[in-house]
């Protein structure tokens, strides 16, 4: 089930729709498999990432743990920053600020937007919503944009 976006947000389709579970929008990321992250949409300075619920992500109350939500937001905001050319760029997180608004359970969906992309530093904001549409968390982040280089032969 896809969580509907705000009617005013028009997100592009996902050219990475069928990528392996250890990939996120064209980049190898073993954590994507461990956290059940799936890139749903990317482009036009925006990204949407779903985190499928796994019992290992729960806190003592059975809700999704805040650390798992933080990881989801970090990946979604970073993806929005590289949305102009997802396979060509990686990022390093410089700063990530989160505000937890409500508890959430089940799948979580993060939607993020790159507010400003400089030559090397970019700024993004985003939110996480639970499957029922409840706003769970908000975030802003600063990221260093880095061109990807091919792995050396035999690596």
N, C-alpha and C. Protein backbone atom coordinates (compact mmCIF):
# COMPACT_ATOMS: atom_id res chain seq x y z
N UNK A 1 0.84 -1.17 0.00
CA UNK A 1 0.00 0.00 0.00
C UNK A 1 0.88 1.23 0.00
N UNK A 2 0.64 2.16 -0.90
CA UNK A 2 1.42 3.38 -0.96
C UNK A 2 0.70 4.48 -0.19
N UNK A 3 1.46 5.20 0.60
CA UNK A 3 0.88 6.30 1.36
C UNK A 3 0.73 7.49 0.43
N UNK A 4 -0.46 8.08 0.31
CA UNK A 4 -0.65 9.19 -0.61
C UNK A 4 0.11 10.42 -0.13
N UNK A 5 0.67 11.15 -1.10
CA UNK A 5 1.34 12.40 -0.81
C UNK A 5 0.32 13.52 -0.82
N UNK A 6 0.74 14.65 -0.30
CA UNK A 6 -0.11 15.83 -0.35
C UNK A 6 -0.46 16.10 -1.80
N UNK A 7 -1.70 16.52 -2.09
CA UNK A 7 -2.10 16.76 -3.47
C UNK A 7 -1.24 17.80 -4.16
N UNK A 8 -0.59 18.70 -3.40
CA UNK A 8 0.22 19.74 -4.02
C UNK A 8 1.62 19.25 -4.37
N UNK A 9 1.99 18.03 -3.95
CA UNK A 9 3.32 17.50 -4.24
C UNK A 9 3.21 16.50 -5.38
N UNK A 10 3.91 16.77 -6.46
CA UNK A 10 3.92 15.87 -7.61
C UNK A 10 5.29 15.22 -7.68
N UNK A 11 5.37 13.96 -7.30
CA UNK A 11 6.64 13.25 -7.27
C UNK A 11 6.79 12.43 -8.55
N UNK A 12 8.00 12.38 -9.10
CA UNK A 12 8.23 11.58 -10.30
C UNK A 12 8.19 10.09 -9.99
N UNK A 13 8.14 9.29 -11.05
CA UNK A 13 8.19 7.84 -10.86
C UNK A 13 9.61 7.42 -10.49
N UNK A 14 9.81 6.15 -10.23
CA UNK A 14 11.09 5.66 -9.75
C UNK A 14 11.80 4.83 -10.81
N UNK A 15 12.88 5.34 -11.40
CA UNK A 15 13.62 4.53 -12.37
C UNK A 15 14.37 3.37 -11.71
N UNK A 16 14.44 3.33 -10.38
CA UNK A 16 15.15 2.29 -9.64
C UNK A 16 14.17 1.29 -9.00
N UNK A 17 12.96 1.23 -9.50
CA UNK A 17 11.89 0.46 -8.89
C UNK A 17 12.24 -1.01 -8.60
N UNK A 18 13.01 -1.63 -9.43
CA UNK A 18 13.27 -3.07 -9.28
C UNK A 18 14.70 -3.36 -8.81
N UNK A 19 15.32 -2.42 -8.11
CA UNK A 19 16.70 -2.66 -7.69
C UNK A 19 16.76 -3.65 -6.52
N UNK A 20 17.94 -4.21 -6.30
CA UNK A 20 18.16 -5.20 -5.25
C UNK A 20 17.93 -4.58 -3.87
N UNK A 21 17.61 -5.41 -2.86
CA UNK A 21 17.32 -4.90 -1.52
C UNK A 21 18.48 -4.20 -0.84
N UNK A 22 19.73 -4.41 -1.33
CA UNK A 22 20.87 -3.74 -0.71
C UNK A 22 21.31 -2.51 -1.52
N UNK A 23 20.39 -1.96 -2.30
CA UNK A 23 20.63 -0.75 -3.09
C UNK A 23 19.61 0.30 -2.68
N UNK A 24 20.00 1.56 -2.80
CA UNK A 24 19.06 2.66 -2.57
C UNK A 24 19.29 3.71 -3.64
N UNK A 25 18.36 3.79 -4.57
CA UNK A 25 18.43 4.72 -5.69
C UNK A 25 19.78 4.64 -6.40
N UNK A 26 20.18 3.41 -6.73
CA UNK A 26 21.37 3.21 -7.55
C UNK A 26 22.68 3.09 -6.79
N UNK A 27 22.67 3.27 -5.49
CA UNK A 27 23.91 3.15 -4.72
C UNK A 27 23.89 1.90 -3.86
N UNK A 28 25.01 1.17 -3.81
CA UNK A 28 25.06 0.00 -2.92
C UNK A 28 25.00 0.44 -1.47
N UNK A 29 24.08 -0.12 -0.70
CA UNK A 29 23.90 0.24 0.70
C UNK A 29 23.37 -0.97 1.45
N UNK A 30 24.27 -1.79 2.03
CA UNK A 30 23.82 -2.96 2.77
C UNK A 30 22.82 -2.62 3.88
N UNK A 31 22.93 -1.41 4.46
CA UNK A 31 22.00 -1.02 5.51
C UNK A 31 20.56 -0.97 4.99
N UNK A 32 20.38 -0.69 3.70
CA UNK A 32 19.03 -0.65 3.13
C UNK A 32 18.33 -1.99 3.33
N UNK A 33 19.07 -3.08 3.17
CA UNK A 33 18.49 -4.40 3.38
C UNK A 33 18.20 -4.61 4.86
N UNK A 34 19.17 -4.28 5.72
CA UNK A 34 19.01 -4.48 7.17
C UNK A 34 17.84 -3.69 7.74
N UNK A 35 17.60 -2.48 7.21
CA UNK A 35 16.53 -1.61 7.72
C UNK A 35 15.25 -1.73 6.90
N UNK A 36 15.23 -2.59 5.88
CA UNK A 36 14.08 -2.76 5.00
C UNK A 36 13.69 -1.45 4.31
N UNK A 37 14.70 -0.73 3.82
CA UNK A 37 14.46 0.53 3.11
C UNK A 37 14.27 0.27 1.63
N UNK A 38 13.27 0.90 1.05
CA UNK A 38 13.01 0.79 -0.39
C UNK A 38 12.77 2.19 -0.95
N UNK A 39 13.57 2.54 -1.93
CA UNK A 39 13.36 3.82 -2.60
C UNK A 39 12.12 3.75 -3.47
N UNK A 40 11.15 4.62 -3.20
CA UNK A 40 9.90 4.58 -3.97
C UNK A 40 9.86 5.60 -5.10
N UNK A 41 10.39 6.80 -4.88
CA UNK A 41 10.37 7.84 -5.91
C UNK A 41 11.56 8.76 -5.71
N UNK A 42 12.09 9.26 -6.83
CA UNK A 42 13.19 10.21 -6.76
C UNK A 42 13.18 11.08 -8.01
N UNK A 43 13.58 12.34 -7.87
CA UNK A 43 13.68 13.28 -8.97
C UNK A 43 13.09 14.62 -8.58
N UNK A 44 13.40 15.64 -9.39
CA UNK A 44 12.88 16.99 -9.14
C UNK A 44 13.18 17.44 -7.71
N UNK A 45 14.40 17.16 -7.23
CA UNK A 45 14.84 17.55 -5.89
C UNK A 45 14.04 16.90 -4.76
N UNK A 46 13.38 15.79 -5.06
CA UNK A 46 12.58 15.10 -4.04
C UNK A 46 12.90 13.62 -4.02
N UNK A 47 12.63 12.99 -2.85
CA UNK A 47 12.78 11.55 -2.73
C UNK A 47 11.76 11.02 -1.74
N UNK A 48 11.33 9.80 -1.95
CA UNK A 48 10.42 9.12 -1.03
C UNK A 48 10.98 7.73 -0.77
N UNK A 49 11.16 7.41 0.52
CA UNK A 49 11.73 6.13 0.93
C UNK A 49 10.81 5.47 1.94
N UNK A 50 10.53 4.20 1.73
CA UNK A 50 9.69 3.42 2.65
C UNK A 50 10.57 2.52 3.51
N UNK A 51 10.25 2.44 4.79
CA UNK A 51 10.89 1.49 5.68
C UNK A 51 9.83 0.49 6.10
N UNK A 52 9.96 -0.74 5.59
CA UNK A 52 9.04 -1.79 5.97
C UNK A 52 9.26 -2.17 7.42
N UNK A 53 8.19 -2.36 8.16
CA UNK A 53 8.33 -2.66 9.58
C UNK A 53 8.92 -4.05 9.78
N UNK A 54 9.88 -4.12 10.69
CA UNK A 54 10.48 -5.39 11.13
C UNK A 54 10.44 -5.37 12.66
N UNK A 55 10.12 -6.47 13.31
CA UNK A 55 10.07 -6.48 14.78
C UNK A 55 11.36 -6.00 15.45
N UNK A 56 12.50 -6.18 14.79
CA UNK A 56 13.77 -5.73 15.35
C UNK A 56 13.87 -4.20 15.40
N UNK A 57 12.97 -3.49 14.75
CA UNK A 57 12.98 -2.03 14.75
C UNK A 57 12.10 -1.45 15.86
N UNK A 58 11.46 -2.29 16.64
CA UNK A 58 10.49 -1.82 17.64
C UNK A 58 11.18 -1.40 18.94
N UNK A 59 10.55 -0.45 19.61
CA UNK A 59 10.99 -0.07 20.96
C UNK A 59 10.24 -0.93 21.98
N UNK A 60 10.38 -0.61 23.25
CA UNK A 60 9.77 -1.44 24.29
C UNK A 60 8.24 -1.41 24.27
N UNK A 61 7.64 -0.42 23.61
CA UNK A 61 6.18 -0.33 23.51
C UNK A 61 5.64 -0.99 22.24
N UNK A 62 6.56 -1.42 21.36
CA UNK A 62 6.13 -2.03 20.11
C UNK A 62 6.00 -1.04 18.96
N UNK A 63 6.26 0.25 19.22
CA UNK A 63 6.27 1.26 18.16
C UNK A 63 7.63 1.23 17.47
N UNK A 64 7.73 1.89 16.31
CA UNK A 64 9.01 1.97 15.61
C UNK A 64 9.96 2.83 16.45
N UNK A 65 11.14 2.32 16.69
CA UNK A 65 12.15 2.99 17.51
C UNK A 65 12.60 4.30 16.83
N UNK A 66 12.86 5.32 17.63
CA UNK A 66 13.30 6.60 17.11
C UNK A 66 14.59 6.52 16.32
N UNK A 67 15.49 5.61 16.69
CA UNK A 67 16.73 5.44 15.93
C UNK A 67 16.48 4.93 14.53
N UNK A 68 15.50 4.05 14.37
CA UNK A 68 15.15 3.56 13.03
C UNK A 68 14.54 4.69 12.20
N UNK A 69 13.72 5.51 12.84
CA UNK A 69 13.12 6.66 12.14
C UNK A 69 14.21 7.64 11.73
N UNK A 70 15.19 7.86 12.60
CA UNK A 70 16.31 8.76 12.28
C UNK A 70 17.09 8.24 11.07
N UNK A 71 17.33 6.93 11.02
CA UNK A 71 18.04 6.35 9.87
C UNK A 71 17.24 6.53 8.59
N UNK A 72 15.93 6.32 8.68
CA UNK A 72 15.05 6.51 7.52
C UNK A 72 15.13 7.95 7.02
N UNK A 73 15.04 8.91 7.93
CA UNK A 73 15.10 10.32 7.52
C UNK A 73 16.46 10.68 6.94
N UNK A 74 17.53 10.19 7.53
CA UNK A 74 18.87 10.45 7.02
C UNK A 74 18.97 9.97 5.57
N UNK A 75 18.50 8.78 5.29
CA UNK A 75 18.56 8.23 3.93
C UNK A 75 17.65 8.98 2.97
N UNK A 76 16.47 9.36 3.41
CA UNK A 76 15.54 10.08 2.53
C UNK A 76 16.05 11.47 2.20
N UNK A 77 16.52 12.22 3.20
CA UNK A 77 17.05 13.56 2.94
C UNK A 77 18.29 13.49 2.05
N UNK A 78 19.17 12.53 2.33
CA UNK A 78 20.37 12.36 1.51
C UNK A 78 19.99 12.03 0.06
N UNK A 79 18.96 11.23 -0.12
CA UNK A 79 18.50 10.89 -1.47
C UNK A 79 17.95 12.11 -2.19
N UNK A 80 17.22 12.96 -1.49
CA UNK A 80 16.68 14.18 -2.11
C UNK A 80 17.81 15.09 -2.57
N UNK A 81 18.88 15.14 -1.80
CA UNK A 81 20.03 15.99 -2.15
C UNK A 81 20.68 15.52 -3.45
N UNK A 82 20.68 14.22 -3.70
CA UNK A 82 21.30 13.69 -4.92
C UNK A 82 20.26 13.36 -6.00
N UNK A 83 19.03 13.84 -5.83
CA UNK A 83 17.94 13.50 -6.75
C UNK A 83 18.16 14.01 -8.17
N UNK A 84 19.01 15.01 -8.36
CA UNK A 84 19.27 15.53 -9.70
C UNK A 84 20.05 14.55 -10.56
N UNK A 85 20.81 13.63 -9.94
CA UNK A 85 21.56 12.60 -10.67
C UNK A 85 21.91 11.49 -9.67
N UNK A 86 20.93 10.67 -9.28
CA UNK A 86 21.08 9.75 -8.15
C UNK A 86 22.25 8.77 -8.22
N UNK A 87 22.55 8.24 -9.39
CA UNK A 87 23.61 7.25 -9.49
C UNK A 87 25.00 7.88 -9.53
N UNK A 88 25.09 9.17 -9.82
CA UNK A 88 26.39 9.83 -9.97
C UNK A 88 26.93 10.41 -8.67
N UNK A 89 26.07 10.57 -7.66
CA UNK A 89 26.50 11.24 -6.44
C UNK A 89 26.19 10.43 -5.19
N UNK A 90 27.08 10.56 -4.23
CA UNK A 90 26.85 10.09 -2.87
C UNK A 90 26.86 11.31 -1.97
N UNK A 91 26.55 11.13 -0.73
CA UNK A 91 26.57 12.26 0.20
C UNK A 91 27.14 11.81 1.54
N UNK A 92 27.59 12.78 2.31
CA UNK A 92 27.97 12.56 3.70
C UNK A 92 27.11 13.51 4.53
N UNK A 93 26.51 13.00 5.58
CA UNK A 93 25.68 13.83 6.44
C UNK A 93 26.58 14.70 7.32
N UNK A 94 26.32 15.99 7.29
CA UNK A 94 27.04 16.95 8.14
C UNK A 94 26.24 17.21 9.41
N UNK A 95 24.93 17.37 9.25
CA UNK A 95 24.06 17.69 10.37
C UNK A 95 22.67 17.14 10.08
N UNK A 96 22.03 16.61 11.11
CA UNK A 96 20.66 16.11 10.98
C UNK A 96 19.91 16.45 12.26
N UNK A 97 18.84 17.21 12.13
CA UNK A 97 18.02 17.61 13.27
C UNK A 97 16.65 16.99 13.12
N UNK A 98 16.19 16.29 14.16
CA UNK A 98 14.90 15.61 14.11
C UNK A 98 13.98 16.14 15.20
N UNK A 99 12.70 16.11 14.87
CA UNK A 99 11.65 16.43 15.84
C UNK A 99 10.64 15.30 15.76
N UNK A 100 10.51 14.55 16.85
CA UNK A 100 9.54 13.46 16.90
C UNK A 100 8.20 14.05 17.34
N UNK A 101 7.17 13.78 16.54
CA UNK A 101 5.86 14.38 16.74
C UNK A 101 4.88 13.40 17.38
N UNK A 102 4.96 12.14 16.98
CA UNK A 102 4.03 11.12 17.48
C UNK A 102 4.67 9.75 17.34
N UNK A 103 4.18 8.80 18.10
CA UNK A 103 4.61 7.41 17.94
C UNK A 103 4.01 6.86 16.66
N UNK A 104 4.69 5.87 16.09
CA UNK A 104 4.18 5.26 14.87
C UNK A 104 4.46 3.77 14.87
N UNK A 105 3.61 3.04 14.18
CA UNK A 105 3.82 1.59 14.05
C UNK A 105 3.57 1.20 12.59
N UNK A 106 4.09 0.04 12.24
CA UNK A 106 3.94 -0.43 10.86
C UNK A 106 4.95 0.23 9.95
N UNK A 107 4.70 0.14 8.64
CA UNK A 107 5.59 0.77 7.66
C UNK A 107 5.63 2.27 7.88
N UNK A 108 6.81 2.86 7.64
CA UNK A 108 7.01 4.30 7.71
C UNK A 108 7.43 4.78 6.33
N UNK A 109 6.95 5.96 5.94
CA UNK A 109 7.34 6.54 4.65
C UNK A 109 7.88 7.94 4.89
N UNK A 110 9.11 8.16 4.41
CA UNK A 110 9.74 9.48 4.50
C UNK A 110 9.67 10.14 3.13
N UNK A 111 9.30 11.40 3.13
CA UNK A 111 9.30 12.22 1.93
C UNK A 111 10.23 13.40 2.20
N UNK A 112 11.14 13.67 1.28
CA UNK A 112 12.14 14.70 1.51
C UNK A 112 12.29 15.59 0.28
N UNK A 113 12.75 16.82 0.53
CA UNK A 113 12.95 17.81 -0.53
C UNK A 113 14.28 18.52 -0.32
N UNK A 114 15.06 18.64 -1.38
CA UNK A 114 16.30 19.40 -1.33
C UNK A 114 15.95 20.88 -1.48
N UNK A 115 16.19 21.64 -0.44
CA UNK A 115 15.86 23.07 -0.45
C UNK A 115 16.88 23.90 -1.21
N UNK A 116 18.17 23.53 -1.08
CA UNK A 116 19.22 24.24 -1.79
C UNK A 116 20.39 23.30 -2.02
N UNK A 117 20.85 23.28 -3.26
CA UNK A 117 22.00 22.46 -3.60
C UNK A 117 23.11 23.37 -4.09
N UNK A 118 24.20 23.41 -3.34
CA UNK A 118 25.38 24.17 -3.75
C UNK A 118 26.35 23.26 -4.48
N UNK A 119 27.58 23.78 -4.72
CA UNK A 119 28.58 22.96 -5.40
C UNK A 119 28.97 21.76 -4.57
N UNK A 120 29.00 21.94 -3.23
CA UNK A 120 29.38 20.80 -2.38
C UNK A 120 28.48 20.61 -1.17
N UNK A 121 27.81 21.66 -0.71
CA UNK A 121 26.95 21.57 0.46
C UNK A 121 25.50 21.78 0.04
N UNK A 122 24.62 20.91 0.56
CA UNK A 122 23.20 20.99 0.23
C UNK A 122 22.36 20.89 1.50
N UNK A 123 21.14 21.41 1.42
CA UNK A 123 20.22 21.46 2.55
C UNK A 123 18.90 20.79 2.16
N UNK A 124 18.37 19.98 3.08
CA UNK A 124 17.12 19.27 2.78
C UNK A 124 16.22 19.26 4.01
N UNK A 125 14.94 19.00 3.76
CA UNK A 125 13.97 18.84 4.85
C UNK A 125 13.07 17.68 4.48
N UNK A 126 12.44 17.09 5.52
CA UNK A 126 11.55 15.98 5.22
C UNK A 126 10.68 15.61 6.40
N UNK A 127 9.83 14.63 6.15
CA UNK A 127 8.90 14.16 7.19
C UNK A 127 8.72 12.66 7.04
N UNK A 128 8.29 12.05 8.14
CA UNK A 128 7.93 10.62 8.14
C UNK A 128 6.48 10.52 8.55
N UNK A 129 5.75 9.69 7.83
CA UNK A 129 4.35 9.40 8.16
C UNK A 129 4.17 7.90 8.30
N UNK A 130 3.31 7.52 9.23
CA UNK A 130 2.94 6.11 9.41
C UNK A 130 1.96 5.72 8.31
N UNK A 131 1.71 4.43 8.19
CA UNK A 131 0.82 3.92 7.15
C UNK A 131 -0.58 4.54 7.20
N UNK A 132 -1.02 4.94 8.40
CA UNK A 132 -2.34 5.55 8.51
C UNK A 132 -2.32 7.06 8.24
N UNK A 133 -1.15 7.60 7.85
CA UNK A 133 -1.03 9.01 7.53
C UNK A 133 -0.59 9.89 8.69
N UNK A 134 -0.45 9.33 9.88
CA UNK A 134 -0.03 10.10 11.05
C UNK A 134 1.37 10.66 10.85
N UNK A 135 1.53 11.95 11.10
CA UNK A 135 2.85 12.57 11.06
C UNK A 135 3.64 12.08 12.26
N UNK A 136 4.79 11.45 12.02
CA UNK A 136 5.59 10.84 13.08
C UNK A 136 6.81 11.71 13.42
N UNK A 137 7.49 12.27 12.40
CA UNK A 137 8.71 13.03 12.65
C UNK A 137 8.97 14.02 11.52
N UNK A 138 9.71 15.06 11.86
CA UNK A 138 10.16 16.08 10.91
C UNK A 138 11.68 16.16 11.02
N UNK A 139 12.35 16.56 9.92
CA UNK A 139 13.80 16.67 9.97
C UNK A 139 14.31 17.72 8.99
N UNK A 140 15.46 18.29 9.33
CA UNK A 140 16.23 19.10 8.40
C UNK A 140 17.65 18.56 8.44
N UNK A 141 18.36 18.72 7.35
CA UNK A 141 19.72 18.21 7.31
C UNK A 141 20.60 18.98 6.36
N UNK A 142 21.90 18.90 6.62
CA UNK A 142 22.94 19.48 5.79
C UNK A 142 23.83 18.34 5.33
N UNK A 143 24.16 18.34 4.04
CA UNK A 143 24.87 17.21 3.45
C UNK A 143 25.99 17.69 2.52
N UNK A 144 27.08 16.95 2.50
CA UNK A 144 28.16 17.20 1.55
C UNK A 144 27.92 16.29 0.36
N UNK A 145 27.80 16.88 -0.80
CA UNK A 145 27.56 16.16 -2.05
C UNK A 145 28.91 15.74 -2.63
N UNK A 146 29.05 14.45 -2.99
CA UNK A 146 30.32 13.94 -3.50
C UNK A 146 30.09 13.11 -4.76
N UNK A 147 30.85 13.43 -5.80
CA UNK A 147 30.75 12.65 -7.04
C UNK A 147 31.23 11.24 -6.76
N UNK A 148 30.51 10.26 -7.28
CA UNK A 148 30.90 8.85 -7.12
C UNK A 148 32.03 8.53 -8.09
N UNK A 149 32.93 7.70 -7.66
CA UNK A 149 34.00 7.23 -8.54
C UNK A 149 33.86 5.72 -8.66
N UNK A 150 34.16 5.18 -9.83
CA UNK A 150 34.06 3.74 -10.00
C UNK A 150 35.03 3.02 -9.06
N UNK A 151 34.62 1.85 -8.59
CA UNK A 151 35.49 1.03 -7.74
C UNK A 151 36.68 0.54 -8.56
N UNK A 152 37.86 0.45 -7.93
CA UNK A 152 39.02 -0.07 -8.66
C UNK A 152 38.78 -1.49 -9.16
N UNK A 153 39.38 -1.85 -10.25
CA UNK A 153 39.23 -3.20 -10.80
C UNK A 153 39.68 -4.23 -9.76
N UNK A 154 38.88 -5.28 -9.60
CA UNK A 154 39.20 -6.33 -8.65
C UNK A 154 38.82 -6.03 -7.23
N UNK A 155 38.17 -4.89 -6.99
CA UNK A 155 37.78 -4.54 -5.61
C UNK A 155 36.48 -5.16 -5.24
